[in-house]
Protein backbone atom coordinates (compact mmCIF):
# COMPACT_ATOMS: atom_id res chain seq x y z
CA MET A 1 48.15 186.60 36.04
CA HIS A 2 48.24 184.88 39.44
CA ASP A 3 46.68 185.65 42.80
CA ARG A 4 48.63 186.02 46.04
CA MET A 5 48.59 182.25 46.54
CA GLY A 6 50.18 181.63 43.15
CA ARG A 7 47.03 180.29 41.51
CA SER A 8 46.11 181.11 37.94
CA ALA A 9 43.63 183.94 37.42
CA TYR A 10 41.32 181.26 36.03
CA TYR A 11 41.33 179.26 39.27
CA LEU A 12 37.86 178.34 40.43
CA PRO A 13 37.30 176.82 43.86
CA MET A 14 36.46 173.15 43.57
CA LYS A 15 32.93 172.24 44.50
CA LYS A 16 31.84 168.73 45.23
CA HIS A 17 28.32 167.48 45.45
CA THR A 18 28.11 164.92 48.21
CA THR A 19 25.64 163.11 50.39
CA MET A 20 26.09 163.27 54.16
CA ASP A 21 24.15 162.08 57.16
CA LEU A 22 23.66 165.16 59.34
CA ASP A 23 22.30 165.63 62.82
CA MET A 24 19.49 168.03 61.88
CA ASP A 25 19.10 169.32 65.44
CA LEU A 26 22.78 170.33 65.32
CA VAL A 27 22.35 171.85 61.85
CA ASP A 28 19.34 173.84 63.07
CA GLU A 29 21.24 175.08 66.12
CA ALA A 30 24.26 176.01 64.00
CA SER A 31 22.00 177.78 61.52
CA VAL A 32 20.59 179.97 64.28
CA ALA A 33 24.05 180.67 65.73
CA LEU A 34 25.52 181.51 62.31
CA GLY A 35 22.51 183.32 60.89
CA THR A 36 22.27 181.02 57.88
CA ARG A 37 19.22 179.59 56.12
CA ARG A 38 20.24 176.73 53.83
CA ILE A 39 22.00 173.56 54.97
CA SER A 40 24.94 174.00 52.59
CA GLU A 41 25.30 177.64 53.68
CA THR A 42 25.35 176.49 57.32
CA VAL A 43 27.95 173.80 56.65
CA HIS A 44 30.18 176.25 54.74
CA ALA A 45 29.86 178.89 57.47
CA ALA A 46 30.67 176.33 60.17
CA LEU A 47 33.75 175.17 58.26
CA ALA A 48 34.90 178.77 57.78
CA GLU A 49 34.40 179.47 61.51
CA THR A 50 36.42 176.38 62.41
CA VAL A 51 39.31 177.40 60.15
CA ALA A 52 39.25 180.97 61.49
CA LEU A 53 39.25 179.70 65.08
CA ARG A 54 42.26 177.45 64.42
CA ARG A 55 44.12 180.39 62.88
CA ARG A 56 43.40 182.55 65.94
CA LEU A 57 44.56 179.75 68.25
CA ARG A 58 47.82 179.49 66.27
CA LEU A 59 48.35 183.23 66.80
CA LEU A 60 47.99 182.71 70.54
CA GLU A 61 50.57 179.92 70.41
CA LEU A 62 53.02 182.33 68.77
CA ASP A 63 52.32 185.10 71.30
CA PRO A 64 50.62 183.89 74.51
CA ASP A 65 50.32 187.50 75.78
CA LEU A 66 48.15 188.51 72.83
CA THR A 67 44.81 189.98 73.90
CA LEU A 68 41.80 190.91 71.80
CA GLU A 69 42.40 194.56 72.67
CA ARG A 70 46.03 194.40 71.52
CA LEU A 71 45.06 192.55 68.36
CA ASP A 72 42.41 195.18 67.56
CA SER A 73 44.94 197.93 68.20
CA GLU A 74 47.50 196.33 65.88
CA ARG A 75 44.87 195.86 63.19
CA ARG A 76 43.87 199.53 63.42
CA ASP A 77 47.52 200.53 63.05
CA ARG A 78 47.85 198.46 59.87
CA HIS A 79 44.42 199.32 58.46
CA PRO A 80 43.63 202.96 59.22
CA ALA A 81 40.29 202.71 57.38
CA ALA A 82 39.09 200.26 60.05
CA ARG A 83 39.26 202.90 62.79
């Protein structure tokens, strides 16, 4: 069995333990903005936000007239449960 990205059902996301020098003032500010508590949780949330932002920006490149209202409307049309 494979998921929608063609990975085996036994695929586990790779985790890597690493040491980084972090600006703790920036981590604290990001933690408040993201509503996270632990450093690793804050870093993961910040990475996810960055990826999501880039995806939204790519959508705007494809359709410069796209508005948040139109996007919400199109999502509701595709996902009636989200109404």
